[in-house]
PDB file of N, CA and C in Angstrom:
ATOM      1  N   MET A   1      -0.097 -81.279 -61.599  1.00  0.00           N
ATOM      2  CA  MET A   1       0.340 -81.537 -62.890  1.00  0.00           C
ATOM      3  C   MET A   1       0.068 -81.334 -63.581  1.00  0.00           C
ATOM      4  N   LYS A   2       0.852 -81.416 -64.347  1.00  0.00           N
ATOM      5  CA  LYS A   2       1.251 -80.487 -66.002  1.00  0.00           C
ATOM      6  C   LYS A   2      -0.051 -80.886 -67.402  1.00  0.00           C
ATOM      7  N   PRO A   3      -0.870 -79.939 -67.743  1.00  0.00           N
ATOM      8  CA  PRO A   3      -1.925 -80.278 -68.654  1.00  0.00           C
ATOM      9  C   PRO A   3      -1.367 -81.411 -69.972  1.00  0.00           C
ATOM     10  N   SER A   4      -0.086 -81.845 -69.608  1.00  0.00           N
ATOM     11  CA  SER A   4       0.369 -83.223 -70.559  1.00  0.00           C
ATOM     12  C   SER A   4      -0.131 -85.016 -69.746  1.00  0.00           C
ATOM     13  N   ASP A   5      -0.203 -84.413 -69.178  1.00  0.00           N
ATOM     14  CA  ASP A   5       0.469 -85.439 -67.856  1.00  0.00           C
ATOM     15  C   ASP A   5      -1.548 -85.914 -68.154  1.00  0.00           C
ATOM     16  N   VAL A   6      -2.337 -84.973 -68.448  1.00  0.00           N
ATOM     17  CA  VAL A   6      -3.770 -86.227 -68.662  1.00  0.00           C
ATOM     18  C   VAL A   6      -3.849 -87.226 -69.394  1.00  0.00           C
ATOM     19  N   TYR A   7      -4.912 -87.696 -69.629  1.00  0.00           N
ATOM     20  CA  TYR A   7      -4.774 -88.582 -70.125  1.00  0.00           C
ATOM     21  C   TYR A   7      -6.475 -88.192 -70.876  1.00  0.00           C
ATOM     22  N   PHE A   8      -7.316 -88.761 -69.693  1.00  0.00           N
ATOM     23  CA  PHE A   8      -8.731 -87.957 -70.444  1.00  0.00           C
ATOM     24  C   PHE A   8      -8.771 -87.351 -69.308  1.00  0.00           C
ATOM     25  N   GLU A   9     -10.401 -86.245 -69.630  1.00  0.00           N
ATOM     26  CA  GLU A   9     -11.395 -85.531 -69.559  1.00  0.00           C
ATOM     27  C   GLU A   9     -12.309 -85.248 -69.371  1.00  0.00           C
ATOM     28  N   VAL A  10     -13.045 -84.852 -68.709  1.00  0.00           N
ATOM     29  CA  VAL A  10     -14.684 -84.977 -68.910  1.00  0.00           C
ATOM     30  C   VAL A  10     -15.524 -84.343 -68.168  1.00  0.00           C
ATOM     31  N   GLU A  11     -16.388 -83.394 -68.876  1.00  0.00           N
ATOM     32  CA  GLU A  11     -17.380 -82.773 -68.221  1.00  0.00           C
ATOM     33  C   GLU A  11     -18.585 -82.990 -67.997  1.00  0.00           C
ATOM     34  N   THR A  12     -19.017 -83.543 -66.106  1.00  0.00           N
ATOM     35  CA  THR A  12     -19.796 -83.983 -65.894  1.00  0.00           C
ATOM     36  C   THR A  12     -21.153 -83.035 -66.364  1.00  0.00           C
ATOM     37  N   PRO A  13     -22.153 -84.410 -65.977  1.00  0.00           N
ATOM     38  CA  PRO A  13     -23.329 -82.931 -65.691  1.00  0.00           C
ATOM     39  C   PRO A  13     -23.344 -81.795 -64.496  1.00  0.00           C
ATOM     40  N   LEU A  14     -22.149 -81.624 -64.258  1.00  0.00           N
ATOM     41  CA  LEU A  14     -22.324 -81.176 -63.195  1.00  0.00           C
ATOM     42  C   LEU A  14     -21.658 -79.913 -63.063  1.00  0.00           C
ATOM     43  N   GLY A  15     -20.950 -80.214 -64.710  1.00  0.00           N
ATOM     44  CA  GLY A  15     -20.150 -78.515 -64.687  1.00  0.00           C
ATOM     45  C   GLY A  15     -19.288 -79.160 -64.009  1.00  0.00           C
ATOM     46  N   VAL A  16     -18.619 -80.107 -63.408  1.00  0.00           N
ATOM     47  CA  VAL A  16     -17.398 -80.391 -62.994  1.00  0.00           C
ATOM     48  C   VAL A  16     -16.478 -81.234 -64.194  1.00  0.00           C
ATOM     49  N   ARG A  17     -15.216 -80.779 -64.218  1.00  0.00           N
ATOM     50  CA  ARG A  17     -14.340 -81.706 -65.247  1.00  0.00           C
ATOM     51  C   ARG A  17     -13.567 -82.509 -64.696  1.00  0.00           C
ATOM     52  N   ILE A  18     -13.742 -84.004 -64.967  1.00  0.00           N
ATOM     53  CA  ILE A  18     -13.119 -84.657 -64.378  1.00  0.00           C
ATOM     54  C   ILE A  18     -11.645 -85.667 -65.091  1.00  0.00           C
ATOM     55  N   ARG A  19     -10.851 -85.627 -64.179  1.00  0.00           N
ATOM     56  CA  ARG A  19      -9.910 -85.833 -64.953  1.00  0.00           C
ATOM     57  C   ARG A  19      -9.001 -87.860 -64.645  1.00  0.00           C
ATOM     58  N   THR A  20      -8.076 -87.670 -65.280  1.00  0.00           N
ATOM     59  CA  THR A  20      -7.187 -88.286 -64.543  1.00  0.00           C
ATOM     60  C   THR A  20      -6.190 -88.511 -65.815  1.00  0.00           C
ATOM     61  N   THR A  21      -4.890 -88.802 -65.267  1.00  0.00           N
ATOM     62  CA  THR A  21      -3.679 -89.416 -66.161  1.00  0.00           C
ATOM     63  C   THR A  21      -3.174 -90.521 -66.531  1.00  0.00           C
ATOM     64  N   ARG A  22      -2.423 -90.423 -68.175  1.00  0.00           N
ATOM     65  CA  ARG A  22      -1.959 -92.118 -67.946  1.00  0.00           C
ATOM     66  C   ARG A  22      -1.906 -93.092 -66.830  1.00  0.00           C
ATOM     67  N   VAL A  23      -0.999 -92.283 -66.076  1.00  0.00           N
ATOM     68  CA  VAL A  23      -0.329 -93.476 -65.031  1.00  0.00           C
ATOM     69  C   VAL A  23      -1.439 -93.195 -64.141  1.00  0.00           C
ATOM     70  N   TYR A  24      -2.221 -92.692 -63.582  1.00  0.00           N
ATOM     71  CA  TYR A  24      -3.288 -93.155 -62.566  1.00  0.00           C
ATOM     72  C   TYR A  24      -4.193 -94.425 -63.335  1.00  0.00           C
ATOM     73  N   TRP A  25      -4.500 -93.736 -64.485  1.00  0.00           N
ATOM     74  CA  TRP A  25      -5.452 -94.926 -65.008  1.00  0.00           C
ATOM     75  C   TRP A  25      -5.171 -96.376 -65.803  1.00  0.00           C
ATOM     76  N   LYS A  26      -3.482 -96.371 -66.120  1.00  0.00           N
ATOM     77  CA  LYS A  26      -2.988 -97.560 -65.479  1.00  0.00           C
ATOM     78  C   LYS A  26      -3.156 -98.738 -64.693  1.00  0.00           C
ATOM     79  N   LYS A  27      -3.224 -98.234 -63.133  1.00  0.00           N
ATOM     80  CA  LYS A  27      -3.346 -98.742 -62.077  1.00  0.00           C
ATOM     81  C   LYS A  27      -4.880 -98.555 -61.916  1.00  0.00           C
ATOM     82  N   ILE A  28      -5.852 -98.304 -61.981  1.00  0.00           N
ATOM     83  CA  ILE A  28      -6.872 -98.441 -62.122  1.00  0.00           C
ATOM     84  C   ILE A  28      -7.138 -99.836 -63.155  1.00  0.00           C
ATOM     85  N   ILE A  29      -6.020 -99.778 -64.509  1.00  0.00           N
ATOM     86  CA  ILE A  29      -7.592-101.228 -65.171  1.00  0.00           C
ATOM     87  C   ILE A  29      -6.115-102.699 -64.798  1.00  0.00           C
ATOM     88  N   LYS A  30      -4.837-102.302 -64.305  1.00  0.00           N
ATOM     89  CA  LYS A  30      -3.976-103.340 -64.395  1.00  0.00           C
ATOM     90  C   LYS A  30      -3.866-103.679 -63.012  1.00  0.00           C
ATOM     91  N   VAL A  31      -3.455-103.231 -61.472  1.00  0.00           N
ATOM     92  CA  VAL A  31      -4.168-103.754 -59.961  1.00  0.00           C
ATOM     93  C   VAL A  31      -5.533-103.283 -59.358  1.00  0.00           C
ATOM     94  N   LYS A  32      -6.374-101.935 -59.733  1.00  0.00           N
ATOM     95  CA  LYS A  32      -7.655-102.216 -58.879  1.00  0.00           C
ATOM     96  C   LYS A  32      -9.354-103.192 -59.764  1.00  0.00           C
ATOM     97  N   HIS A  33      -9.239-102.708 -60.276  1.00  0.00           N
ATOM     98  CA  HIS A  33      -9.703-103.127 -61.134  1.00  0.00           C
ATOM     99  C   HIS A  33      -9.802-103.759 -62.574  1.00  0.00           C
ATOM    100  N   PRO A  34      -8.941-104.413 -63.231  1.00  0.00           N
ATOM    101  CA  PRO A  34      -8.359-104.991 -64.511  1.00  0.00           C
ATOM    102  C   PRO A  34     -10.048-104.363 -65.986  1.00  0.00           C
ATOM    103  N   ILE A  35     -10.946-105.553 -65.310  1.00  0.00           N
ATOM    104  CA  ILE A  35     -12.377-105.987 -66.223  1.00  0.00           C
ATOM    105  C   ILE A  35     -12.390-104.345 -66.848  1.00  0.00           C
ATOM    106  N   ILE A  36     -12.333-103.606 -65.772  1.00  0.00           N
ATOM    107  CA  ILE A  36     -12.856-102.044 -66.299  1.00  0.00           C
ATOM    108  C   ILE A  36     -12.091-101.410 -68.572  1.00  0.00           C
ATOM    109  N   ALA A  37     -10.307-102.081 -67.905  1.00  0.00           N
ATOM    110  CA  ALA A  37     -10.061-102.050 -69.295  1.00  0.00           C
ATOM    111  C   ALA A  37     -10.695-101.596 -70.206  1.00  0.00           C
ATOM    112  N   LYS A  38     -11.525-102.836 -70.975  1.00  0.00           N
ATOM    113  CA  LYS A  38     -12.400-102.824 -72.156  1.00  0.00           C
ATOM    114  C   LYS A  38     -13.620-101.790 -72.354  1.00  0.00           C
ATOM    115  N   TYR A  39     -13.405-100.754 -71.122  1.00  0.00           N
ATOM    116  CA  TYR A  39     -14.832-100.574 -70.449  1.00  0.00           C
ATOM    117  C   TYR A  39     -14.380 -98.545 -70.320  1.00  0.00           C
ATOM    118  N   GLU A  40     -13.303 -98.736 -71.609  1.00  0.00           N
ATOM    119  CA  GLU A  40     -13.236 -96.877 -71.058  1.00  0.00           C
ATOM    120  C   GLU A  40     -14.226 -96.395 -71.642  1.00  0.00           C
ATOM    121  N   ALA A  41     -14.577 -96.252 -72.799  1.00  0.00           N
ATOM    122  CA  ALA A  41     -15.451 -95.484 -74.060  1.00  0.00           C
ATOM    123  C   ALA A  41     -16.689 -95.359 -72.520  1.00  0.00           C
ATOM    124  N   GLN A  42     -17.155 -96.115 -71.547  1.00  0.00           N
ATOM    125  CA  GLN A  42     -18.167 -96.626 -71.205  1.00  0.00           C
ATOM    126  C   GLN A  42     -18.146 -95.235 -69.932  1.00  0.00           C
ATOM    127  N   VAL A  43     -16.394 -95.347 -69.450  1.00  0.00           N
ATOM    128  CA  VAL A  43     -16.746 -95.133 -68.447  1.00  0.00           C
ATOM    129  C   VAL A  43     -16.229 -93.974 -68.412  1.00  0.00           C
ATOM    130  N   LYS A  44     -15.940 -93.299 -70.162  1.00  0.00           N
ATOM    131  CA  LYS A  44     -16.063 -91.754 -70.255  1.00  0.00           C
ATOM    132  C   LYS A  44     -17.267 -91.354 -70.427  1.00  0.00           C
ATOM    133  N   ASP A  45     -18.555 -92.085 -71.065  1.00  0.00           N
ATOM    134  CA  ASP A  45     -19.372 -92.215 -71.172  1.00  0.00           C
ATOM    135  C   ASP A  45     -20.349 -91.932 -69.419  1.00  0.00           C
ATOM    136  N   SER A  46     -20.249 -92.420 -68.827  1.00  0.00           N
ATOM    137  CA  SER A  46     -20.853 -92.764 -67.383  1.00  0.00           C
ATOM    138  C   SER A  46     -20.566 -90.924 -66.886  1.00  0.00           C
ATOM    139  N   LEU A  47     -19.289 -90.641 -66.857  1.00  0.00           N
ATOM    140  CA  LEU A  47     -19.667 -89.369 -66.491  1.00  0.00           C
ATOM    141  C   LEU A  47     -20.134 -88.511 -67.418  1.00  0.00           C
ATOM    142  N   ALA A  48     -19.577 -88.490 -68.579  1.00  0.00           N
ATOM    143  CA  ALA A  48     -20.482 -87.410 -69.812  1.00  0.00           C
ATOM    144  C   ALA A  48     -22.305 -87.930 -69.311  1.00  0.00           C
ATOM    145  N   ARG A  49     -23.024 -88.615 -69.620  1.00  0.00           N
ATOM    146  CA  ARG A  49     -23.988 -88.876 -69.381  1.00  0.00           C
ATOM    147  C   ARG A  49     -24.848 -90.397 -69.197  1.00  0.00           C
ATOM    148  N   PRO A  50     -24.518 -89.713 -67.628  1.00  0.00           N
ATOM    149  CA  PRO A  50     -24.377 -91.117 -66.572  1.00  0.00           C
ATOM    150  C   PRO A  50     -25.832 -91.143 -66.347  1.00  0.00           C
ATOM    151  N   ASP A  51     -26.758 -91.923 -65.884  1.00  0.00           N
ATOM    152  CA  ASP A  51     -27.955 -92.522 -65.515  1.00  0.00           C
ATOM    153  C   ASP A  51     -28.392 -92.513 -64.308  1.00  0.00           C
ATOM    154  N   GLU A  52     -27.635 -92.109 -63.434  1.00  0.00           N
ATOM    155  CA  GLU A  52     -27.762 -91.634 -61.884  1.00  0.00           C
ATOM    156  C   GLU A  52     -26.349 -91.477 -61.285  1.00  0.00           C
ATOM    157  N   ILE A  53     -25.954 -90.562 -60.817  1.00  0.00           N
ATOM    158  CA  ILE A  53     -25.107 -89.486 -59.326  1.00  0.00           C
ATOM    159  C   ILE A  53     -25.293 -89.893 -58.520  1.00  0.00           C
ATOM    160  N   ARG A  54     -24.614 -90.534 -57.515  1.00  0.00           N
ATOM    161  CA  ARG A  54     -24.703 -90.743 -56.563  1.00  0.00           C
ATOM    162  C   ARG A  54     -23.655 -89.868 -55.015  1.00  0.00           C
ATOM    163  N   ARG A  55     -23.822 -89.378 -54.095  1.00  0.00           N
ATOM    164  CA  ARG A  55     -22.799 -88.412 -53.144  1.00  0.00           C
ATOM    165  C   ARG A  55     -23.094 -89.821 -52.154  1.00  0.00           C
ATOM    166  N   SER A  56     -21.117 -89.787 -52.057  1.00  0.00           N
ATOM    167  CA  SER A  56     -21.187 -91.474 -50.696  1.00  0.00           C
ATOM    168  C   SER A  56     -21.710 -90.069 -49.624  1.00  0.00           C
ATOM    169  N   ARG A  57     -21.893 -91.498 -49.240  1.00  0.00           N
ATOM    170  CA  ARG A  57     -22.540 -90.972 -47.521  1.00  0.00           C
ATOM    171  C   ARG A  57     -20.550 -90.754 -46.757  1.00  0.00           C
ATOM    172  N   GLN A  58     -19.684 -91.708 -45.993  1.00  0.00           N
ATOM    173  CA  GLN A  58     -18.133 -91.146 -45.815  1.00  0.00           C
ATOM    174  C   GLN A  58     -18.207 -90.008 -46.110  1.00  0.00           C
ATOM    175  N   ASP A  59     -17.887 -89.583 -47.354  1.00  0.00           N
ATOM    176  CA  ASP A  59     -16.940 -88.467 -48.078  1.00  0.00           C
ATOM    177  C   ASP A  59     -18.184 -87.752 -48.940  1.00  0.00           C
ATOM    178  N   SER A  60     -18.271 -86.726 -48.659  1.00  0.00           N
ATOM    179  CA  SER A  60     -19.262 -85.674 -49.485  1.00  0.00           C
ATOM    180  C   SER A  60     -18.801 -84.493 -50.431  1.00  0.00           C
ATOM    181  N   LYS A  61     -17.320 -85.431 -50.744  1.00  0.00           N
ATOM    182  CA  LYS A  61     -16.420 -84.384 -52.296  1.00  0.00           C
ATOM    183  C   LYS A  61     -16.814 -85.086 -53.011  1.00  0.00           C
ATOM    184  N   VAL A  62     -16.682 -86.960 -53.044  1.00  0.00           N
ATOM    185  CA  VAL A  62     -16.707 -88.196 -53.540  1.00  0.00           C
ATOM    186  C   VAL A  62     -18.280 -88.542 -53.952  1.00  0.00           C
ATOM    187  N   TYR A  63     -18.082 -88.258 -55.996  1.00  0.00           N
ATOM    188  CA  TYR A  63     -19.543 -89.205 -56.869  1.00  0.00           C
ATOM    189  C   TYR A  63     -18.900 -90.224 -57.311  1.00  0.00           C
ATOM    190  N   LEU A  64     -20.532 -90.950 -57.546  1.00  0.00           N
ATOM    191  CA  LEU A  64     -20.313 -91.960 -58.032  1.00  0.00           C
ATOM    192  C   LEU A  64     -21.277 -91.613 -59.024  1.00  0.00           C
ATOM    193  N   TYR A  65     -20.972 -91.740 -60.377  1.00  0.00           N
ATOM    194  CA  TYR A  65     -21.414 -91.786 -61.455  1.00  0.00           C
ATOM    195  C   TYR A  65     -21.780 -93.403 -62.494  1.00  0.00           C
ATOM    196  N   TYR A  66     -23.101 -92.922 -62.737  1.00  0.00           N
ATOM    197  CA  TYR A  66     -23.067 -94.740 -63.210  1.00  0.00           C
ATOM    198  C   TYR A  66     -24.180 -95.202 -64.447  1.00  0.00           C
ATOM    199  N   LYS A  67     -23.565 -95.597 -64.838  1.00  0.00           N
ATOM    200  CA  LYS A  67     -23.935 -95.533 -66.646  1.00  0.00           C
ATOM    201  C   LYS A  67     -23.916 -97.097 -66.743  1.00  0.00           C
ATOM    202  N   ASP A  68     -25.967 -97.348 -67.379  1.00  0.00           N
ATOM    203  CA  ASP A  68     -26.291 -98.267 -67.195  1.00  0.00           C
ATOM    204  C   ASP A  68     -26.164 -99.617 -69.000  1.00  0.00           C
ATOM    205  N   ILE A  69     -25.049-100.459 -68.705  1.00  0.00           N
ATOM    206  CA  ILE A  69     -24.481-101.089 -70.203  1.00  0.00           C
ATOM    207  C   ILE A  69     -25.187-102.214 -70.093  1.00  0.00           C
ATOM    208  N   GLY A  70     -26.136-102.287 -70.169  1.00  0.00           N
ATOM    209  CA  GLY A  70     -26.851-104.020 -69.996  1.00  0.00           C
ATOM    210  C   GLY A  70     -27.746-104.476 -68.860  1.00  0.00           C
ATOM    211  N   ASP A  71     -27.065-105.753 -68.206  1.00  0.00           N
ATOM    212  CA  ASP A  71     -27.735-105.907 -66.669  1.00  0.00           C
ATOM    213  C   ASP A  71     -26.490-105.693 -65.891  1.00  0.00           C
ATOM    214  N   ILE A  72     -25.597-104.726 -66.909  1.00  0.00           N
ATOM    215  CA  ILE A  72     -24.524-104.453 -65.302  1.00  0.00           C
ATOM    216  C   ILE A  72     -24.123-102.578 -65.334  1.00  0.00           C
ATOM    217  N   TYR A  73     -23.398-102.049 -64.178  1.00  0.00           N
ATOM    218  CA  TYR A  73     -23.580-100.524 -64.825  1.00  0.00           C
ATOM    219  C   TYR A  73     -22.106-100.383 -64.236  1.00  0.00           C
ATOM    220  N   VAL A  74     -21.269 -99.652 -65.184  1.00  0.00           N
ATOM    221  CA  VAL A  74     -20.498 -98.942 -64.372  1.00  0.00           C
ATOM    222  C   VAL A  74     -20.324 -97.849 -64.202  1.00  0.00           C
ATOM    223  N   CYS A  75     -18.995 -98.215 -62.970  1.00  0.00           N
ATOM    224  CA  CYS A  75     -19.450 -96.899 -61.898  1.00  0.00           C
ATOM    225  C   CYS A  75     -17.637 -96.890 -61.948  1.00  0.00           C
ATOM    226  N   SER A  76     -17.976 -94.936 -61.696  1.00  0.00           N
ATOM    227  CA  SER A  76     -16.907 -94.122 -61.555  1.00  0.00           C
ATOM    228  C   SER A  76     -16.789 -92.959 -60.650  1.00  0.00           C
ATOM    229  N   VAL A  77     -15.856 -93.386 -59.932  1.00  0.00           N
ATOM    230  CA  VAL A  77     -16.047 -92.721 -58.449  1.00  0.00           C
ATOM    231  C   VAL A  77     -15.384 -92.307 -58.368  1.00  0.00           C
ATOM    232  N   CYS A  78     -15.306 -90.377 -58.136  1.00  0.00           N
ATOM    233  CA  CYS A  78     -14.721 -89.431 -58.498  1.00  0.00           C
ATOM    234  C   CYS A  78     -14.285 -88.269 -57.347  1.00  0.00           C
ATOM    235  N   ASP A  79     -12.998 -87.742 -57.239  1.00  0.00           N
ATOM    236  CA  ASP A  79     -13.881 -86.650 -56.017  1.00  0.00           C
ATOM    237  C   ASP A  79     -13.524 -85.410 -56.276  1.00  0.00           C
ATOM    238  N   HIS A  80     -14.724 -84.679 -56.318  1.00  0.00           N
ATOM    239  CA  HIS A  80     -14.482 -83.447 -56.683  1.00  0.00           C
ATOM    240  C   HIS A  80     -13.902 -82.531 -55.614  1.00  0.00           C
ATOM    241  N   ILE A  81     -12.910 -82.484 -56.369  1.00  0.00           N
ATOM    242  CA  ILE A  81     -11.752 -80.624 -55.596  1.00  0.00           C
ATOM    243  C   ILE A  81     -12.485 -79.736 -55.034  1.00  0.00           C
ATOM    244  N   ASP A  82     -13.709 -79.731 -56.032  1.00  0.00           N
ATOM    245  CA  ASP A  82     -14.030 -77.847 -56.285  1.00  0.00           C
ATOM    246  C   ASP A  82     -15.676 -78.065 -57.280  1.00  0.00           C
ATOM    247  N   LYS A  83     -16.228 -76.699 -56.464  1.00  0.00           N
ATOM    248  CA  LYS A  83     -17.316 -76.713 -57.866  1.00  0.00           C
ATOM    249  C   LYS A  83     -16.641 -77.359 -60.033  1.00  0.00           C
ATOM    250  N   ILE A  84     -15.434 -77.273 -60.094  1.00  0.00           N
ATOM    251  CA  ILE A  84     -15.072 -77.099 -61.389  1.00  0.00           C
ATOM    252  C   ILE A  84     -14.870 -78.145 -61.895  1.00  0.00           C
ATOM    253  N   SER A  85     -13.569 -78.624 -61.012  1.00  0.00           N
ATOM    254  CA  SER A  85     -12.913 -79.796 -60.832  1.00  0.00           C
ATOM    255  C   SER A  85     -12.680 -81.167 -60.074  1.00  0.00           C
ATOM    256  N   GLY A  86     -12.107 -82.088 -60.864  1.00  0.00           N
ATOM    257  CA  GLY A  86     -12.630 -83.459 -59.681  1.00  0.00           C
ATOM    258  C   GLY A  86     -11.157 -84.238 -60.709  1.00  0.00           C
ATOM    259  N   TYR A  87     -10.801 -85.713 -60.158  1.00  0.00           N
ATOM    260  CA  TYR A  87     -10.458 -86.942 -60.761  1.00  0.00           C
ATOM    261  C   TYR A  87     -10.706 -88.269 -60.285  1.00  0.00           C
ATOM    262  N   ILE A  88     -10.966 -88.850 -61.051  1.00  0.00           N
ATOM    263  CA  ILE A  88     -11.580 -90.539 -60.826  1.00  0.00           C
ATOM    264  C   ILE A  88     -10.777 -91.089 -59.889  1.00  0.00           C
ATOM    265  N   ILE A  89     -11.551 -91.732 -58.789  1.00  0.00           N
ATOM    266  CA  ILE A  89     -10.569 -92.361 -57.521  1.00  0.00           C
ATOM    267  C   ILE A  89     -10.951 -93.861 -58.506  1.00  0.00           C
ATOM    268  N   THR A  90     -11.566 -93.979 -59.194  1.00  0.00           N
ATOM    269  CA  THR A  90     -11.868 -96.439 -59.374  1.00  0.00           C
ATOM    270  C   THR A  90     -13.021 -96.042 -60.873  1.00  0.00           C
ATOM    271  N   ALA A  91     -13.049 -97.055 -61.597  1.00  0.00           N
ATOM    272  CA  ALA A  91     -13.757 -96.852 -62.391  1.00  0.00           C
ATOM    273  C   ALA A  91     -14.334 -98.825 -62.224  1.00  0.00           C
ATOM    274  N   TYR A  92     -15.906 -99.037 -62.375  1.00  0.00           N
ATOM    275  CA  TYR A  92     -16.037-100.456 -61.775  1.00  0.00           C
ATOM    276  C   TYR A  92     -17.214-100.862 -62.515  1.00  0.00           C
ATOM    277  N   LEU A  93     -16.889-102.254 -62.359  1.00  0.00           N
ATOM    278  CA  LEU A  93     -18.215-102.802 -62.681  1.00  0.00           C
ATOM    279  C   LEU A  93     -19.667-102.971 -61.753  1.00  0.00           C
ATOM    280  N   THR A  94     -20.589-102.907 -61.526  1.00  0.00           N
ATOM    281  CA  THR A  94     -21.408-104.012 -60.550  1.00  0.00           C
ATOM    282  C   THR A  94     -23.335-104.002 -60.841  1.00  0.00           C
ATOM    283  N   LYS A  95     -23.477-104.592 -60.423  1.00  0.00           N
ATOM    284  CA  LYS A  95     -24.682-105.204 -60.536  1.00  0.00           C
ATOM    285  C   LYS A  95     -26.334-104.508 -60.087  1.00  0.00           C
ATOM    286  N   ARG A  96     -25.237-103.147 -58.845  1.00  0.00           N
ATOM    287  CA  ARG A  96     -26.661-102.573 -58.058  1.00  0.00           C
ATOM    288  C   ARG A  96     -25.602-101.093 -57.949  1.00  0.00           C
ATOM    289  N   ILE A  97     -27.023 -99.862 -57.267  1.00  0.00           N
ATOM    290  CA  ILE A  97     -26.434 -98.880 -56.933  1.00  0.00           C
ATOM    291  C   ILE A  97     -25.767 -98.538 -55.509  1.00  0.00           C
ATOM    292  N   ARG A  98     -25.293 -98.126 -55.571  1.00  0.00           N
ATOM    293  CA  ARG A  98     -25.019 -97.866 -54.187  1.00  0.00           C
ATOM    294  C   ARG A  98     -26.059 -97.230 -53.140  1.00  0.00           C
ATOM    295  N   GLU A  99     -25.994 -97.236 -52.589  1.00  0.00           N
ATOM    296  CA  GLU A  99     -26.749 -96.386 -51.139  1.00  0.00           C
ATOM    297  C   GLU A  99     -26.040 -94.798 -51.583  1.00  0.00           C
ATOM    298  N   GLY A 100     -26.533 -93.496 -51.023  1.00  0.00           N
ATOM    299  CA  GLY A 100     -26.251 -92.566 -50.295  1.00  0.00           C
ATOM    300  C   GLY A 100     -26.656 -91.548 -51.549  1.00  0.00           C
ATOM    301  N   GLU A 101     -26.779 -90.838 -51.121  1.00  0.00           N
ATOM    302  CA  GLU A 101     -27.436 -89.045 -51.704  1.00  0.00           C
ATOM    303  C   GLU A 101     -27.667 -88.516 -53.028  1.00  0.00           C
ATOM    304  N   LYS A 102     -28.751 -89.200 -53.609  1.00  0.00           N
ATOM    305  CA  LYS A 102     -29.520 -89.228 -54.996  1.00  0.00           C
ATOM    306  C   LYS A 102     -28.945 -87.206 -55.382  1.00  0.00           C
ATOM    307  N   VAL A 103     -28.375 -87.459 -55.948  1.00  0.00           N
ATOM    308  CA  VAL A 103     -27.886 -85.909 -56.946  1.00  0.00           C
ATOM    309  C   VAL A 103     -28.814 -85.877 -57.892  1.00  0.00           C
ATOM    310  N   ASN A 104     -29.433 -84.774 -58.418  1.00  0.00           N
ATOM    311  CA  ASN A 104     -30.214 -84.352 -58.967  1.00  0.00           C
ATOM    312  C   ASN A 104     -29.028 -83.752 -60.175  1.00  0.00           C
ATOM    313  N   VAL A 105     -29.767 -83.958 -61.033  1.00  0.00           N
ATOM    314  CA  VAL A 105     -28.844 -82.432 -62.236  1.00  0.00           C
ATOM    315  C   VAL A 105     -29.752 -81.825 -63.323  1.00  0.00           C
ATOM    316  N   GLU A 106     -29.835 -80.640 -63.007  1.00  0.00           N
ATOM    317  CA  GLU A 106     -30.543 -79.804 -63.403  1.00  0.00           C
ATOM    318  C   GLU A 106     -30.174 -79.812 -64.537  1.00  0.00           C
ATOM    319  N   ASN A 107     -31.479 -79.930 -65.943  1.00  0.00           N
ATOM    320  CA  ASN A 107     -31.326 -79.251 -67.322  1.00  0.00           C
ATOM    321  C   ASN A 107     -31.560 -77.916 -67.352  1.00  0.00           C
TER     322      ASN A 107
END
């Protein structure tokens, strides 16, 4: 991926820079979860300032970043390629936080 392909990139409290391309973001908002289109700012906020982070039970490289936006959460699901970079797999709205290992953020 060329740097010019990146639509947005956000550094998480874990020090991982999560990115997505414009093409992939359009796939998320047109095909996977159209409702999330109007929550782009909250998706970015879920990465930058999550209320909770969980590690997937199925794949230890996959992290779920949750942001409480009232009576619902924005969940951004990301693959951590390594300790410093990753990408968004998907983002969606949910009423509950999924099971999985809770990740504590060192401040």
